[in-house]
Amino acid sequence: TAIEASRMLLRVDDVVQAVRKDREGGQGQ
């Protein structure tokens, strides 16, 4: 478990925030 978790976290190279937006008024606007 410990080594598997370390491997998984090392694979992460981007942390992005997901925001819920409505499509109205253009995508993501």
PDB file of all heavy atoms in Angstrom:
ATOM      1  N   THR A   1       0.831  -1.217   0.000  1.00  0.00           N
ATOM      2  CA  THR A   1       0.000   0.000   0.000  1.00  0.00           C
ATOM      3  C   THR A   1       0.857   1.255   0.000  1.00  0.00           C
ATOM      4  O   THR A   1       0.602   2.193  -0.750  1.00  0.00           O
ATOM      5  CB  THR A   1      -0.916   0.018   1.251  1.00  0.00           C
ATOM      6  OG1 THR A   1      -1.571  -1.244   1.346  1.00  0.00           O
ATOM      7  CG2 THR A   1      -1.967   1.089   1.163  1.00  0.00           C
ATOM      8  N   ALA A   2       1.910   1.278   0.841  1.00  0.00           N
ATOM      9  CA  ALA A   2       2.738   2.487   0.964  1.00  0.00           C
ATOM     10  C   ALA A   2       3.466   2.783  -0.344  1.00  0.00           C
ATOM     11  O   ALA A   2       3.465   3.921  -0.829  1.00  0.00           O
ATOM     12  CB  ALA A   2       3.734   2.313   2.104  1.00  0.00           C
ATOM     13  N   ILE A   3       4.073   1.754  -0.944  1.00  0.00           N
ATOM     14  CA  ILE A   3       4.849   1.992  -2.177  1.00  0.00           C
ATOM     15  C   ILE A   3       3.915   2.303  -3.344  1.00  0.00           C
ATOM     16  O   ILE A   3       4.182   3.187  -4.160  1.00  0.00           O
ATOM     17  CB  ILE A   3       5.784   0.794  -2.470  1.00  0.00           C
ATOM     18  CG1 ILE A   3       6.845   0.709  -1.365  1.00  0.00           C
ATOM     19  CG2 ILE A   3       6.446   0.936  -3.842  1.00  0.00           C
ATOM     20  CD1 ILE A   3       7.816  -0.446  -1.475  1.00  0.00           C
ATOM     21  N   GLU A   4       2.781   1.604  -3.394  1.00  0.00           N
ATOM     22  CA  GLU A   4       1.796   1.855  -4.469  1.00  0.00           C
ATOM     23  C   GLU A   4       1.300   3.303  -4.411  1.00  0.00           C
ATOM     24  O   GLU A   4       1.187   3.985  -5.432  1.00  0.00           O
ATOM     25  CB  GLU A   4       0.627   0.876  -4.311  1.00  0.00           C
ATOM     26  CG  GLU A   4      -0.422   0.935  -5.391  1.00  0.00           C
ATOM     27  CD  GLU A   4       0.111   0.528  -6.747  1.00  0.00           C
ATOM     28  OE1 GLU A   4       0.637  -0.580  -6.896  1.00  0.00           O
ATOM     29  OE2 GLU A   4       0.010   1.362  -7.664  1.00  0.00           O
ATOM     30  N   ALA A   5       1.028   3.782  -3.196  1.00  0.00           N
ATOM     31  CA  ALA A   5       0.523   5.158  -3.042  1.00  0.00           C
ATOM     32  C   ALA A   5       1.585   6.170  -3.444  1.00  0.00           C
ATOM     33  O   ALA A   5       1.282   7.179  -4.089  1.00  0.00           O
ATOM     34  CB  ALA A   5       0.125   5.389  -1.591  1.00  0.00           C
ATOM     35  N   SER A   6       2.845   5.888  -3.081  1.00  0.00           N
ATOM     36  CA  SER A   6       3.930   6.805  -3.447  1.00  0.00           C
ATOM     37  C   SER A   6       4.060   6.881  -4.968  1.00  0.00           C
ATOM     38  O   SER A   6       4.214   7.963  -5.543  1.00  0.00           O
ATOM     39  CB  SER A   6       5.261   6.322  -2.861  1.00  0.00           C
ATOM     40  OG  SER A   6       5.087   6.001  -1.514  1.00  0.00           O
ATOM     41  N   ARG A   7       3.960   5.711  -5.606  1.00  0.00           N
ATOM     42  CA  ARG A   7       4.070   5.691  -7.068  1.00  0.00           C
ATOM     43  C   ARG A   7       2.944   6.497  -7.696  1.00  0.00           C
ATOM     44  O   ARG A   7       3.150   7.238  -8.663  1.00  0.00           O
ATOM     45  CB  ARG A   7       4.009   4.247  -7.570  1.00  0.00           C
ATOM     46  CG  ARG A   7       5.304   3.497  -7.374  1.00  0.00           C
ATOM     47  CD  ARG A   7       5.160   1.996  -7.465  1.00  0.00           C
ATOM     48  NE  ARG A   7       4.155   1.574  -8.418  1.00  0.00           N
ATOM     49  CZ  ARG A   7       3.733   0.323  -8.541  1.00  0.00           C
ATOM     50  NH1 ARG A   7       4.238  -0.610  -7.758  1.00  0.00           N
ATOM     51  NH2 ARG A   7       2.832   0.001  -9.413  1.00  0.00           N
ATOM     52  N   MET A   8       1.779   6.370  -7.141  1.00  0.00           N
ATOM     53  CA  MET A   8       0.626   7.062  -7.728  1.00  0.00           C
ATOM     54  C   MET A   8       0.775   8.581  -7.586  1.00  0.00           C
ATOM     55  O   MET A   8       0.525   9.328  -8.534  1.00  0.00           O
ATOM     56  CB  MET A   8      -0.661   6.608  -7.053  1.00  0.00           C
ATOM     57  CG  MET A   8      -1.897   6.953  -7.839  1.00  0.00           C
ATOM     58  SD  MET A   8      -3.305   6.036  -7.287  1.00  0.00           S
ATOM     59  CE  MET A   8      -3.697   6.872  -5.803  1.00  0.00           C
ATOM     60  N   LEU A   9       1.186   9.034  -6.405  1.00  0.00           N
ATOM     61  CA  LEU A   9       1.312  10.483  -6.202  1.00  0.00           C
ATOM     62  C   LEU A   9       2.451  11.078  -7.032  1.00  0.00           C
ATOM     63  O   LEU A   9       2.398  12.227  -7.441  1.00  0.00           O
ATOM     64  CB  LEU A   9       1.515  10.807  -4.718  1.00  0.00           C
ATOM     65  CG  LEU A   9       0.246  10.738  -3.859  1.00  0.00           C
ATOM     66  CD1 LEU A   9       0.566  11.009  -2.400  1.00  0.00           C
ATOM     67  CD2 LEU A   9      -0.811  11.718  -4.322  1.00  0.00           C
ATOM     68  N   LEU A  10       3.502  10.266  -7.291  1.00  0.00           N
ATOM     69  CA  LEU A  10       4.604  10.774  -8.115  1.00  0.00           C
ATOM     70  C   LEU A  10       4.180  10.927  -9.578  1.00  0.00           C
ATOM     71  O   LEU A  10       4.771  11.684 -10.329  1.00  0.00           O
ATOM     72  CB  LEU A  10       5.803   9.826  -8.034  1.00  0.00           C
ATOM     73  CG  LEU A  10       6.657   9.952  -6.769  1.00  0.00           C
ATOM     74  CD1 LEU A  10       7.683   8.847  -6.715  1.00  0.00           C
ATOM     75  CD2 LEU A  10       7.352  11.306  -6.715  1.00  0.00           C
ATOM     76  N   ARG A  11       3.171  10.154  -9.959  1.00  0.00           N
ATOM     77  CA  ARG A  11       2.705  10.240 -11.351  1.00  0.00           C
ATOM     78  C   ARG A  11       1.925  11.525 -11.604  1.00  0.00           C
ATOM     79  O   ARG A  11       1.673  11.885 -12.751  1.00  0.00           O
ATOM     80  CB  ARG A  11       1.773   9.059 -11.660  1.00  0.00           C
ATOM     81  CG  ARG A  11       2.523   7.818 -12.054  1.00  0.00           C
ATOM     82  CD  ARG A  11       1.821   7.107 -13.200  1.00  0.00           C
ATOM     83  NE  ARG A  11       2.697   6.109 -13.776  1.00  0.00           N
ATOM     84  CZ  ARG A  11       2.720   4.838 -13.389  1.00  0.00           C
ATOM     85  NH1 ARG A  11       1.928   4.437 -12.433  1.00  0.00           N
ATOM     86  NH2 ARG A  11       3.532   3.986 -13.967  1.00  0.00           N
ATOM     87  N   VAL A  12       1.479  12.184 -10.546  1.00  0.00           N
ATOM     88  CA  VAL A  12       0.658  13.393 -10.716  1.00  0.00           C
ATOM     89  C   VAL A  12       1.567  14.564 -11.061  1.00  0.00           C
ATOM     90  O   VAL A  12       2.492  14.869 -10.321  1.00  0.00           O
ATOM     91  CB  VAL A  12      -0.111  13.702  -9.403  1.00  0.00           C
ATOM     92  CG1 VAL A  12      -0.884  15.000  -9.529  1.00  0.00           C
ATOM     93  CG2 VAL A  12      -1.048  12.562  -9.056  1.00  0.00           C
ATOM     94  N   ASP A  13       1.296  15.218 -12.195  1.00  0.00           N
ATOM     95  CA  ASP A  13       2.113  16.391 -12.513  1.00  0.00           C
ATOM     96  C   ASP A  13       1.247  17.624 -12.744  1.00  0.00           C
ATOM     97  O   ASP A  13       1.712  18.649 -13.189  1.00  0.00           O
ATOM     98  CB  ASP A  13       3.003  16.125 -13.738  1.00  0.00           C
ATOM     99  CG  ASP A  13       2.186  16.072 -15.007  1.00  0.00           C
ATOM    100  OD1 ASP A  13       0.962  15.850 -14.893  1.00  0.00           O
ATOM    101  OD2 ASP A  13       2.754  16.259 -16.102  1.00  0.00           O
ATOM    102  N   ASP A  14      -0.042  17.504 -12.459  1.00  0.00           N
ATOM    103  CA  ASP A  14      -0.918  18.647 -12.669  1.00  0.00           C
ATOM    104  C   ASP A  14      -2.106  18.545 -11.717  1.00  0.00           C
ATOM    105  O   ASP A  14      -2.750  17.494 -11.674  1.00  0.00           O
ATOM    106  CB  ASP A  14      -1.425  18.642 -14.118  1.00  0.00           C
ATOM    107  CG  ASP A  14      -1.517  20.053 -14.670  1.00  0.00           C
ATOM    108  OD1 ASP A  14      -1.716  20.953 -13.854  1.00  0.00           O
ATOM    109  OD2 ASP A  14      -1.398  20.238 -15.892  1.00  0.00           O
ATOM    110  N   VAL A  15      -2.357  19.587 -10.971  1.00  0.00           N
ATOM    111  CA  VAL A  15      -3.546  19.616 -10.104  1.00  0.00           C
ATOM    112  C   VAL A  15      -4.409  20.759 -10.594  1.00  0.00           C
ATOM    113  O   VAL A  15      -3.992  21.917 -10.556  1.00  0.00           O
ATOM    114  CB  VAL A  15      -3.167  19.840  -8.621  1.00  0.00           C
ATOM    115  CG1 VAL A  15      -4.412  19.878  -7.754  1.00  0.00           C
ATOM    116  CG2 VAL A  15      -2.236  18.750  -8.147  1.00  0.00           C
ATOM    117  N   VAL A  16      -5.592  20.438 -11.133  1.00  0.00           N
ATOM    118  CA  VAL A  16      -6.455  21.495 -11.671  1.00  0.00           C
ATOM    119  C   VAL A  16      -7.777  21.502 -10.939  1.00  0.00           C
ATOM    120  O   VAL A  16      -8.261  20.479 -10.483  1.00  0.00           O
ATOM    121  CB  VAL A  16      -6.713  21.316 -13.185  1.00  0.00           C
ATOM    122  CG1 VAL A  16      -5.503  21.681 -13.988  1.00  0.00           C
ATOM    123  CG2 VAL A  16      -7.163  19.921 -13.497  1.00  0.00           C
ATOM    124  N   GLN A  17      -8.337  22.666 -10.862  1.00  0.00           N
ATOM    125  CA  GLN A  17      -9.632  22.829 -10.202  1.00  0.00           C
ATOM    126  C   GLN A  17     -10.729  22.625 -11.241  1.00  0.00           C
ATOM    127  O   GLN A  17     -10.691  23.232 -12.302  1.00  0.00           O
ATOM    128  CB  GLN A  17      -9.714  24.261  -9.639  1.00  0.00           C
ATOM    129  CG  GLN A  17     -10.977  24.538  -8.869  1.00  0.00           C
ATOM    130  CD  GLN A  17     -10.859  24.084  -7.430  1.00  0.00           C
ATOM    131  OE1 GLN A  17      -9.765  23.854  -6.954  1.00  0.00           O
ATOM    132  NE2 GLN A  17     -11.952  23.945  -6.759  1.00  0.00           N
ATOM    133  N   ALA A  18     -11.684  21.741 -10.953  1.00  0.00           N
ATOM    134  CA  ALA A  18     -12.804  21.531 -11.874  1.00  0.00           C
ATOM    135  C   ALA A  18     -13.958  22.414 -11.423  1.00  0.00           C
ATOM    136  O   ALA A  18     -14.358  22.384 -10.267  1.00  0.00           O
ATOM    137  CB  ALA A  18     -13.227  20.080 -11.853  1.00  0.00           C
ATOM    138  N   VAL A  19     -14.485  23.232 -12.343  1.00  0.00           N
ATOM    139  CA  VAL A  19     -15.567  24.159 -11.998  1.00  0.00           C
ATOM    140  C   VAL A  19     -16.781  23.804 -12.833  1.00  0.00           C
ATOM    141  O   VAL A  19     -16.678  23.558 -14.021  1.00  0.00           O
ATOM    142  CB  VAL A  19     -15.142  25.620 -12.309  1.00  0.00           C
ATOM    143  CG1 VAL A  19     -16.209  26.586 -11.859  1.00  0.00           C
ATOM    144  CG2 VAL A  19     -13.823  25.942 -11.639  1.00  0.00           C
ATOM    145  N   ARG A  20     -17.933  23.821 -12.208  1.00  0.00           N
ATOM    146  CA  ARG A  20     -19.158  23.529 -12.944  1.00  0.00           C
ATOM    147  C   ARG A  20     -19.709  24.825 -13.510  1.00  0.00           C
ATOM    148  O   ARG A  20     -19.986  25.768 -12.795  1.00  0.00           O
ATOM    149  CB  ARG A  20     -20.185  22.906 -11.998  1.00  0.00           C
ATOM    150  CG  ARG A  20     -21.426  22.422 -12.724  1.00  0.00           C
ATOM    151  CD  ARG A  20     -22.500  22.026 -11.722  1.00  0.00           C
ATOM    152  NE  ARG A  20     -23.718  21.734 -12.451  1.00  0.00           N
ATOM    153  CZ  ARG A  20     -24.125  20.525 -12.754  1.00  0.00           C
ATOM    154  NH1 ARG A  20     -23.404  19.489 -12.406  1.00  0.00           N
ATOM    155  NH2 ARG A  20     -25.245  20.332 -13.430  1.00  0.00           N
ATOM    156  N   LYS A  21     -19.824  24.880 -14.824  1.00  0.00           N
ATOM    157  CA  LYS A  21     -20.374  26.072 -15.485  1.00  0.00           C
ATOM    158  C   LYS A  21     -21.523  25.642 -16.382  1.00  0.00           C
ATOM    159  O   LYS A  21     -21.533  24.527 -16.901  1.00  0.00           O
ATOM    160  CB  LYS A  21     -19.299  26.734 -16.351  1.00  0.00           C
ATOM    161  CG  LYS A  21     -18.092  27.224 -15.566  1.00  0.00           C
ATOM    162  CD  LYS A  21     -18.272  28.634 -15.123  1.00  0.00           C
ATOM    163  CE  LYS A  21     -17.018  29.148 -14.440  1.00  0.00           C
ATOM    164  NZ  LYS A  21     -17.131  30.502 -14.019  1.00  0.00           N
ATOM    165  N   ASP A  22     -22.465  26.537 -16.605  1.00  0.00           N
ATOM    166  CA  ASP A  22     -23.537  26.219 -17.554  1.00  0.00           C
ATOM    167  C   ASP A  22     -23.078  26.579 -18.965  1.00  0.00           C
ATOM    168  O   ASP A  22     -22.278  27.477 -19.168  1.00  0.00           O
ATOM    169  CB  ASP A  22     -24.800  27.021 -17.211  1.00  0.00           C
ATOM    170  CG  ASP A  22     -25.428  26.493 -15.940  1.00  0.00           C
ATOM    171  OD1 ASP A  22     -25.324  25.265 -15.738  1.00  0.00           O
ATOM    172  OD2 ASP A  22     -25.976  27.284 -15.159  1.00  0.00           O
ATOM    173  N   ARG A  23     -23.607  25.845 -19.936  1.00  0.00           N
ATOM    174  CA  ARG A  23     -23.170  26.063 -21.313  1.00  0.00           C
ATOM    175  C   ARG A  23     -23.739  27.352 -21.903  1.00  0.00           C
ATOM    176  O   ARG A  23     -23.283  27.822 -22.926  1.00  0.00           O
ATOM    177  CB  ARG A  23     -23.627  24.891 -22.185  1.00  0.00           C
ATOM    178  CG  ARG A  23     -22.747  23.671 -21.998  1.00  0.00           C
ATOM    179  CD  ARG A  23     -23.192  22.584 -22.945  1.00  0.00           C
ATOM    180  NE  ARG A  23     -22.372  21.400 -22.792  1.00  0.00           N
ATOM    181  CZ  ARG A  23     -21.216  21.213 -23.385  1.00  0.00           C
ATOM    182  NH1 ARG A  23     -20.709  22.147 -24.159  1.00  0.00           N
ATOM    183  NH2 ARG A  23     -20.532  20.105 -23.211  1.00  0.00           N
ATOM    184  N   GLU A  24     -24.760  27.894 -21.289  1.00  0.00           N
ATOM    185  CA  GLU A  24     -25.416  29.071 -21.871  1.00  0.00           C
ATOM    186  C   GLU A  24     -24.418  30.226 -21.980  1.00  0.00           C
ATOM    187  O   GLU A  24     -23.602  30.445 -21.106  1.00  0.00           O
ATOM    188  CB  GLU A  24     -26.584  29.498 -20.978  1.00  0.00           C
ATOM    189  CG  GLU A  24     -27.522  30.448 -21.678  1.00  0.00           C
ATOM    190  CD  GLU A  24     -28.698  30.811 -20.783  1.00  0.00           C
ATOM    191  OE1 GLU A  24     -28.710  30.390 -19.619  1.00  0.00           O
ATOM    192  OE2 GLU A  24     -29.566  31.502 -21.261  1.00  0.00           O
ATOM    193  N   GLY A  25     -24.515  30.957 -23.068  1.00  0.00           N
ATOM    194  CA  GLY A  25     -23.620  32.111 -23.260  1.00  0.00           C
ATOM    195  C   GLY A  25     -22.235  31.664 -23.685  1.00  0.00           C
ATOM    196  O   GLY A  25     -21.249  32.305 -23.374  1.00  0.00           O
ATOM    197  N   GLY A  26     -22.162  30.535 -24.405  1.00  0.00           N
ATOM    198  CA  GLY A  26     -20.857  30.077 -24.892  1.00  0.00           C
ATOM    199  C   GLY A  26     -20.239  29.117 -23.904  1.00  0.00           C
ATOM    200  O   GLY A  26     -20.457  29.203 -22.708  1.00  0.00           O
ATOM    201  N   GLN A  27     -19.446  28.180 -24.431  1.00  0.00           N
ATOM    202  CA  GLN A  27     -18.878  27.130 -23.581  1.00  0.00           C
ATOM    203  C   GLN A  27     -17.950  27.719 -22.527  1.00  0.00           C
ATOM    204  O   GLN A  27     -17.037  28.459 -22.834  1.00  0.00           O
ATOM    205  CB  GLN A  27     -18.103  26.154 -24.459  1.00  0.00           C
ATOM    206  CG  GLN A  27     -17.548  25.012 -23.635  1.00  0.00           C
ATOM    207  CD  GLN A  27     -17.304  23.798 -24.497  1.00  0.00           C
ATOM    208  OE1 GLN A  27     -17.651  23.824 -25.651  1.00  0.00           O
ATOM    209  NE2 GLN A  27     -16.739  22.772 -23.937  1.00  0.00           N
ATOM    210  N   GLY A  28     -18.234  27.372 -21.273  1.00  0.00           N
ATOM    211  CA  GLY A  28     -17.367  27.801 -20.187  1.00  0.00           C
ATOM    212  C   GLY A  28     -17.500  29.266 -19.821  1.00  0.00           C
ATOM    213  O   GLY A  28     -16.796  29.765 -18.972  1.00  0.00           O
ATOM    214  N   GLN A  29     -18.431  30.009 -20.495  1.00  0.00           N
ATOM    215  CA  GLN A  29     -18.532  31.437 -20.204  1.00  0.00           C
ATOM    216  C   GLN A  29     -19.483  31.714 -19.043  1.00  0.00           C
ATOM    217  O   GLN A  29     -19.568  32.815 -18.564  1.00  0.00           O
ATOM    218  CB  GLN A  29     -19.051  32.191 -21.444  1.00  0.00           C
ATOM    219  CG  GLN A  29     -18.083  32.165 -22.613  1.00  0.00           C
ATOM    220  CD  GLN A  29     -16.787  32.863 -22.273  1.00  0.00           C
ATOM    221  OE1 GLN A  29     -16.810  33.973 -21.751  1.00  0.00           O
ATOM    222  NE2 GLN A  29     -15.665  32.233 -22.541  1.00  0.00           N
TER     223      GLN A  29
END
